[in-house]
Protein backbone atom coordinates (compact mmCIF):
# COMPACT_ATOMS: atom_id res chain seq x y z
CA MET A 1 121.61 105.45 55.49
CA TYR A 2 123.95 107.37 57.61
CA PHE A 3 125.59 107.30 60.93
CA THR A 4 128.31 108.70 63.25
CA LEU A 5 131.13 106.93 64.96
CA TRP A 6 129.66 108.04 68.49
CA GLY A 7 126.24 107.09 67.33
CA ALA A 8 127.75 103.32 66.49
CA VAL A 9 129.39 103.46 70.15
CA ARG A 10 126.04 104.40 71.71
CA SER A 11 124.21 101.78 69.60
CA LEU A 12 126.31 99.23 71.52
CA LEU A 13 124.95 100.35 74.66
CA ASN A 14 121.14 101.19 74.29
CA PHE A 15 118.83 99.33 71.98
CA ASN A 16 115.44 97.84 72.53
CA THR A 17 115.74 94.36 71.19
CA LYS A 18 112.26 93.14 72.20
CA GLU A 19 110.45 95.72 69.91
CA ARG A 20 112.69 95.16 67.23
CA GLU A 21 112.23 91.47 67.16
CA GLN A 22 108.57 91.97 67.24
CA GLU A 23 108.64 94.04 64.06
CA ALA A 24 111.17 91.60 62.65
CA GLU A 25 108.53 88.90 62.66
CA ARG A 26 105.99 91.28 61.16
CA VAL A 27 108.65 92.03 58.35
CA ARG A 28 109.19 88.39 57.61
CA GLY A 29 105.41 87.78 57.12
CA GLU A 30 104.89 90.65 54.62
CA ASP A 31 104.71 90.39 50.84
CA HIS A 32 107.97 91.43 49.41
CA SER A 33 107.14 91.76 45.75
CA TYR A 34 108.41 95.10 44.09
CA ILE A 35 106.00 97.92 43.79
CA ARG A 36 107.51 101.40 43.53
CA LEU A 37 106.86 104.33 45.55
CA SER A 38 105.57 107.74 44.40
CA ILE A 39 108.16 110.21 43.72
CA GLU A 40 106.38 112.41 46.24
CA ASP A 41 106.99 109.93 49.05
CA ARG A 42 110.51 109.06 48.23
CA ALA A 43 113.76 109.50 50.36
CA PRO A 44 117.13 110.66 49.14
CA CYS A 45 118.47 107.43 50.15
CA PRO A 46 118.03 104.72 47.48
CA GLY A 47 118.28 102.01 50.01
CA LEU A 48 115.30 103.33 52.23
CA ASN A 49 113.24 103.73 49.29
CA ALA A 50 114.17 99.95 48.12
CA LEU A 51 113.08 98.70 51.58
CA ALA A 52 109.62 100.33 51.09
CA ASN A 53 109.33 99.37 47.55
CA GLN A 54 109.78 95.85 48.62
CA GLY A 55 107.60 95.86 51.65
CA TYR A 56 110.10 95.72 54.29
CA LEU A 57 109.20 99.13 55.39
CA PRO A 58 105.47 100.65 55.02
CA ARG A 59 105.04 100.63 51.26
CA ASP A 60 103.51 104.29 51.53
CA GLY A 61 106.86 105.38 53.08
CA LYS A 62 104.87 106.81 55.98
CA ASN A 63 104.65 106.47 59.84
CA ILE A 64 107.77 104.57 60.32
CA THR A 65 109.29 103.65 63.61
CA LEU A 66 113.05 103.11 64.51
CA PRO A 67 112.23 99.47 65.60
CA ARG A 68 110.72 98.81 62.37
CA LEU A 69 113.44 100.32 60.19
CA GLU A 70 115.90 98.23 62.44
CA ALA A 71 114.03 95.19 61.69
CA ALA A 72 113.91 95.91 57.90
CA LEU A 73 117.72 96.35 57.79
CA MET A 74 118.32 93.00 59.57
CA VAL A 75 115.79 91.09 57.79
CA ALA A 76 116.55 92.28 54.21
CA LEU A 77 119.99 93.23 54.34
CA HIS A 78 121.33 90.66 57.17
CA MET A 79 122.91 93.83 59.08
CA SER A 80 124.05 93.09 62.71
CA GLY A 81 121.77 94.76 65.44
CA THR A 82 124.65 97.14 66.08
CA VAL A 83 124.89 98.60 62.59
CA ALA A 84 121.04 98.50 62.12
CA HIS A 85 120.39 100.30 65.56
CA ALA A 86 123.20 102.97 64.71
CA LEU A 87 121.92 103.64 61.19
CA ALA A 88 118.13 103.90 62.43
CA ASN A 89 119.43 106.38 65.30
CA ALA A 90 120.82 108.76 62.84
CA LEU A 91 117.14 109.58 62.04
CA LYS A 92 116.06 110.68 65.68
CA PRO A 93 116.36 114.11 64.73
CA ILE A 94 113.41 113.85 62.06
CA LEU A 95 110.95 111.76 64.49
CA ARG A 96 107.76 113.43 65.27
CA GLU A 97 106.41 113.31 68.72
CA ASP A 98 104.91 110.12 68.22
CA GLY A 99 108.13 108.43 67.46
CA THR A 100 107.41 107.98 63.82
CA PHE A 101 108.69 109.57 60.50
CA ASP A 102 107.96 109.62 56.81
CA LEU A 103 110.72 108.83 54.29
CA ALA A 104 110.23 112.37 52.75
CA ASP A 105 111.28 113.74 55.98
CA SER A 106 114.85 112.51 55.51
CA ARG A 107 115.24 115.22 52.78
CA MET A 108 115.90 117.78 55.74
CA HIS A 109 119.44 119.04 54.62
CA GLY A 110 122.20 118.29 57.21
CA VAL A 111 120.44 115.70 59.19
CA VAL A 112 121.08 112.62 57.07
CA GLU A 113 120.82 114.18 53.65
CA HIS A 114 124.27 115.69 52.69
CA ASP A 115 126.12 117.53 49.97
CA ARG A 116 128.69 115.83 47.73
CA SER A 117 126.21 112.84 46.89
CA MET A 118 127.46 110.68 44.27
CA THR A 119 123.89 110.60 42.59
CA ARG A 120 122.19 113.83 43.92
CA LEU A 121 122.60 117.55 43.38
CA ASP A 122 123.77 119.50 46.51
CA PHE A 123 121.23 121.26 48.55
CA ARG A 124 121.99 124.81 47.19
CA GLN A 125 121.55 123.48 43.77
CA GLY A 126 117.77 122.79 44.26
CA ASP A 127 116.55 119.25 44.01
CA ASN A 128 118.69 117.40 46.45
CA TYR A 129 116.73 114.25 46.90
CA THR A 130 116.23 112.97 43.01
CA MET A 131 118.63 110.72 41.67
CA GLN A 132 120.35 112.41 38.49
CA PRO A 133 121.05 109.81 35.59
CA GLN A 134 124.03 111.82 34.33
CA MET A 135 125.49 111.51 37.78
CA LEU A 136 125.05 107.80 38.05
CA GLN A 137 126.46 107.39 34.52
CA ALA A 138 129.61 109.41 35.40
CA MET A 139 130.15 107.06 38.50
CA LEU A 140 129.85 104.19 36.26
CA ASP A 141 132.19 105.83 33.56
CA ASP A 142 134.75 106.17 36.50
CA ALA A 143 134.78 102.28 36.60
CA GLU A 144 135.36 102.05 32.82
CA GLY A 145 132.78 99.69 32.07
CA GLY A 146 133.85 97.27 34.53
CA PRO A 147 132.17 96.66 38.16
CA LEU A 148 132.07 99.08 40.85
CA THR A 149 134.82 98.55 43.52
CA LEU A 150 136.25 100.50 46.28
CA LYS A 151 139.20 101.76 44.02
CA THR A 152 136.76 102.96 41.30
CA LEU A 153 134.71 104.68 43.76
CA SER A 154 137.68 106.62 45.05
CA LYS A 155 137.77 108.18 41.46
CA SER A 156 134.41 109.18 41.97
CA TYR A 157 134.90 110.50 45.46
CA ILE A 158 137.73 112.68 44.32
CA ARG A 159 135.65 113.98 41.30
CA ARG A 160 132.67 114.75 43.33
CA LYS A 161 134.81 116.66 45.77
CA LYS A 162 136.34 118.71 42.94
CA GLU A 163 132.85 119.33 41.47
CA HIS A 164 131.55 120.58 44.75
CA GLN A 165 134.20 123.09 45.20
CA ALA A 166 134.00 124.21 41.57
CA THR A 167 130.50 125.21 41.99
CA GLY A 168 131.17 126.98 45.19
CA GLY A 169 130.29 124.32 47.68
CA GLN A 170 131.60 124.79 51.23
CA PRO A 171 134.13 121.92 52.96
CA LEU A 172 132.12 119.46 54.56
CA GLY A 173 132.43 119.60 58.48
CA LEU A 174 133.91 116.57 60.08
CA HIS A 175 130.56 115.04 60.78
CA MET A 176 129.43 115.27 57.51
CA TRP A 177 132.78 114.23 55.97
CA PHE A 178 132.52 110.90 57.86
CA VAL A 179 128.75 110.47 56.88
CA ASN A 180 130.03 111.17 53.14
CA LEU A 181 132.91 108.62 53.48
CA LEU A 182 130.35 105.82 54.90
CA ILE A 183 127.53 106.48 52.50
CA THR A 184 129.86 106.33 49.46
CA VAL A 185 130.72 102.57 50.43
CA GLY A 186 127.17 101.95 51.67
CA PHE A 187 126.00 100.01 48.64
CA ILE A 188 129.15 97.70 48.32
CA ASN A 189 128.88 97.12 52.01
CA SER A 190 125.02 96.05 51.75
CA GLU A 191 125.45 94.23 48.40
CA ALA A 192 128.49 92.27 49.98
CA THR A 193 130.08 90.81 46.74
CA GLY A 194 132.30 93.91 46.72
CA HIS A 195 132.12 94.25 42.91
CA PRO A 196 128.61 94.82 41.61
CA SER A 197 128.01 95.06 37.79
CA PRO A 198 127.06 98.28 36.11
CA GLN A 199 123.54 96.58 35.55
CA GLN A 200 123.63 95.63 39.42
CA VAL A 201 124.45 99.30 40.27
CA LYS A 202 121.61 100.52 37.96
CA THR A 203 119.02 98.24 39.39
CA PHE A 204 119.69 99.65 42.97
CA TYR A 205 119.84 103.23 41.97
CA VAL A 206 117.54 103.74 39.20
CA GLU A 207 114.84 100.80 40.13
CA GLU A 208 115.65 101.33 43.83
CA ARG A 209 115.32 97.67 44.19
CA LEU A 210 117.26 94.97 46.15
CA GLU A 211 118.09 92.03 44.01
CA GLU A 212 117.67 88.49 45.18
CA TYR A 213 121.26 87.88 45.24
CA ILE A 214 121.59 90.47 47.98
CA LEU A 215 118.46 89.60 49.92
CA GLU A 216 119.54 85.91 49.93
CA ASN A 217 123.05 86.54 50.88
CA PRO A 218 123.13 85.57 54.74
CA VAL A 219 126.55 87.03 55.15
CA GLN A 220 126.33 89.50 58.16
CA ARG A 221 126.93 93.15 57.34
CA SER A 222 128.74 94.27 60.29
CA LEU A 223 130.16 97.55 61.77
CA HIS A 224 133.55 96.30 61.27
CA GLY A 225 133.04 95.75 57.87
CA LEU A 226 131.48 98.94 57.00
CA VAL A 227 134.25 101.00 58.82
CA TRP A 228 136.88 98.80 57.17
CA LYS A 229 135.41 99.52 53.64
CA SER A 230 135.47 103.10 54.44
CA MET A 231 139.25 103.06 55.45
CA VAL A 232 140.09 101.32 52.32
CA LEU A 233 138.25 103.72 50.29
CA LEU A 234 140.26 106.58 51.94
CA TRP A 235 143.44 104.79 51.38
CA HIS A 236 142.58 104.70 47.84
CA VAL A 237 141.63 108.47 47.67
CA THR A 238 144.87 109.35 49.49
CA PHE A 239 147.56 107.06 47.81
CA GLY A 240 145.91 106.13 44.48
């Protein structure tokens, strides 16, 4: 899930908490056992897929409203209302006239899907929405067998930038650069310990499943925390 700084500011000023709270009540009452989506219906984002796989979003990945998505983010991942609304708002360009979207709609390039992903091919390379096992392994190799941290992610971030350039990729614009920075720290921010093990990383990216230690951690995932982690990553990228 991705959002812009301006989107975050707007989210402070405009959101429908009543509809979101109604959806949150429905979400809390759903069965959250793990049943994996069909590949035809999946998004490029493992977080979105995990929410559907575990019943926080509709299990078929279809006809999702923004209030339902906000509610899912707040209930499952304990995100603040501001972060949940900002993330959901990033999907407005793919909404249909009835205000819904399908997870597969988020594959549209340049809206929320972006080049230089840690685990997906670039748009020009064909399949830009399927997790590539060798790319995931490269990210784990950057951590040298240890946990994933912002410092190890900085190595992956630099490596992916070089790979993108070497294969003819164009520089990211300011908007997508910011999106890429935020999404790079997205799992660590949601996971909340700051140092997930290789197996925990694989559970998220391969199974597209949120483990109990994530779901049961009540620490609020805030806008401040997400932006701060992005700045720490940028520090490591710049200064090592």
